[in-house]
Amino acid sequence: MQLKDILKQYSLTMQFISNYKLAGVIPLDIFLHVVVGYIIYYTLLKFFKKNHILSFIILFCIELIKEIFDSFSLTNQIIENVTDFIATMLIPTILVVINKNNKKNKLN
């Protein structure tokens, strides 16, 4: 299988995921971005011994690279990349903020 074939299959798979809606309402790609983003973040937290900032930065970089790749390989618009990025980073951002607030509260 050549790279061209792999990219074509990737594009077709992403089109299916983008067009499918869970319960007729929630886009599957947004749901997957939220869930997979959290799973990767949680895995990074375990690997880096609960270092929230480092885990967040690594996930941020992974998602940024993925969205840049998608912008060149797929025919999506910039708003789709931004939406995917926000969906992926939503739960990790909330967890970093909560962790920071907990640390501040422990100091007081």
Protein backbone atom coordinates (compact mmCIF):
# COMPACT_ATOMS: atom_id res chain seq x y z
CA MET A 1 0.00 0.00 0.00
CA GLN A 2 1.41 3.38 -1.01
CA LEU A 3 1.28 6.61 0.97
CA LYS A 4 -1.25 8.01 -1.50
CA ASP A 5 -3.60 5.08 -0.79
CA ILE A 6 -3.14 5.46 2.96
CA LEU A 7 -3.96 9.19 2.81
CA LYS A 8 -7.02 8.51 0.67
CA GLN A 9 -8.30 5.89 3.14
CA TYR A 10 -7.58 8.28 6.04
CA SER A 11 -9.55 11.01 4.29
CA LEU A 12 -12.53 8.70 3.66
CA THR A 13 -12.50 7.53 7.28
CA MET A 14 -12.38 11.10 8.56
CA GLN A 15 -15.27 12.10 6.27
CA PHE A 16 -17.40 9.28 7.67
CA ILE A 17 -16.55 10.22 11.27
CA SER A 18 -17.24 13.90 10.59
CA ASN A 19 -20.66 13.21 9.08
CA TYR A 20 -21.90 10.69 11.67
CA LYS A 21 -23.91 12.00 14.61
CA LEU A 22 -24.42 10.18 17.91
CA ALA A 23 -28.13 10.07 18.79
CA GLY A 24 -28.65 12.25 15.72
CA VAL A 25 -27.23 15.26 17.60
CA ILE A 26 -23.58 15.06 18.70
CA PRO A 27 -20.98 14.87 15.92
CA LEU A 28 -18.90 11.72 16.38
CA ASP A 29 -15.65 13.55 15.66
CA ILE A 30 -16.23 16.06 18.47
CA PHE A 31 -17.11 13.26 20.89
CA LEU A 32 -13.98 11.33 19.91
CA HIS A 33 -11.79 14.43 20.27
CA VAL A 34 -13.06 14.97 23.82
CA VAL A 35 -12.70 11.31 24.84
CA VAL A 36 -9.37 10.58 23.15
CA GLY A 37 -7.95 13.92 24.33
CA TYR A 38 -8.80 12.98 27.91
CA ILE A 39 -7.38 9.46 27.54
CA ILE A 40 -4.09 10.78 26.17
CA TYR A 41 -3.91 13.44 28.89
CA TYR A 42 -4.64 10.88 31.63
CA THR A 43 -1.98 8.54 30.21
CA LEU A 44 0.54 11.39 30.15
CA LEU A 45 -0.36 12.26 33.75
CA LYS A 46 0.40 8.70 34.82
CA PHE A 47 3.63 8.62 32.83
CA PHE A 48 4.88 11.99 34.11
CA LYS A 49 3.82 11.37 37.73
CA LYS A 50 0.88 13.80 37.82
CA ASN A 51 2.73 16.72 36.19
CA HIS A 52 -0.36 18.51 34.85
CA ILE A 53 1.49 21.29 33.02
CA LEU A 54 3.90 18.99 31.16
CA SER A 55 1.07 16.61 30.23
CA PHE A 56 -0.99 19.56 29.00
CA ILE A 57 1.87 20.96 26.90
CA ILE A 58 2.58 17.58 25.31
CA LEU A 59 -1.09 17.02 24.47
CA PHE A 60 -1.27 20.58 23.12
CA CYS A 61 1.67 19.87 20.79
CA ILE A 62 0.28 16.52 19.66
CA GLU A 63 -3.09 18.06 18.85
CA LEU A 64 -1.51 21.05 17.09
CA ILE A 65 0.58 18.76 14.87
CA LYS A 66 -2.47 16.58 14.15
CA GLU A 67 -4.61 19.55 13.15
CA ILE A 68 -1.84 20.96 10.94
CA PHE A 69 -1.58 17.57 9.25
CA ASP A 70 -5.36 17.45 8.80
CA SER A 71 -5.42 20.95 7.30
CA PHE A 72 -3.07 19.81 4.55
CA SER A 73 -4.39 16.30 3.98
CA LEU A 74 -8.14 16.92 4.26
CA THR A 75 -10.42 19.45 2.64
CA ASN A 76 -11.70 20.87 5.92
CA GLN A 77 -11.91 24.53 6.80
CA ILE A 78 -9.94 26.29 9.54
CA ILE A 79 -13.02 26.46 11.77
CA GLU A 80 -13.16 22.66 11.81
CA ASN A 81 -9.52 22.50 12.95
CA VAL A 82 -10.18 25.07 15.67
CA THR A 83 -13.30 23.21 16.84
CA ASP A 84 -11.38 19.92 16.99
CA PHE A 85 -8.55 21.59 18.90
CA ILE A 86 -10.92 23.12 21.45
CA ALA A 87 -12.79 19.83 21.90
CA THR A 88 -9.55 17.93 22.50
CA MET A 89 -8.18 20.45 24.99
CA LEU A 90 -11.46 21.09 26.86
CA ILE A 91 -11.20 18.55 29.70
CA PRO A 92 -7.41 18.85 30.12
CA THR A 93 -7.73 22.65 30.41
CA ILE A 94 -10.40 22.30 33.08
CA LEU A 95 -8.26 19.78 34.97
CA VAL A 96 -5.17 22.03 34.85
CA VAL A 97 -7.19 24.98 36.19
CA ILE A 98 -8.67 22.83 38.97
CA ASN A 99 -5.23 21.51 39.87
CA LYS A 100 -3.78 25.04 40.00
CA ASN A 101 -6.65 26.22 42.22
CA ASN A 102 -6.22 23.25 44.55
CA LYS A 103 -2.52 24.02 44.92
CA LYS A 104 -3.29 27.69 45.68
CA ASN A 105 -5.90 26.69 48.27
CA LYS A 106 -3.45 24.32 49.99
CA LEU A 107 -0.94 27.16 50.35
CA ASN A 108 -3.48 29.45 52.06
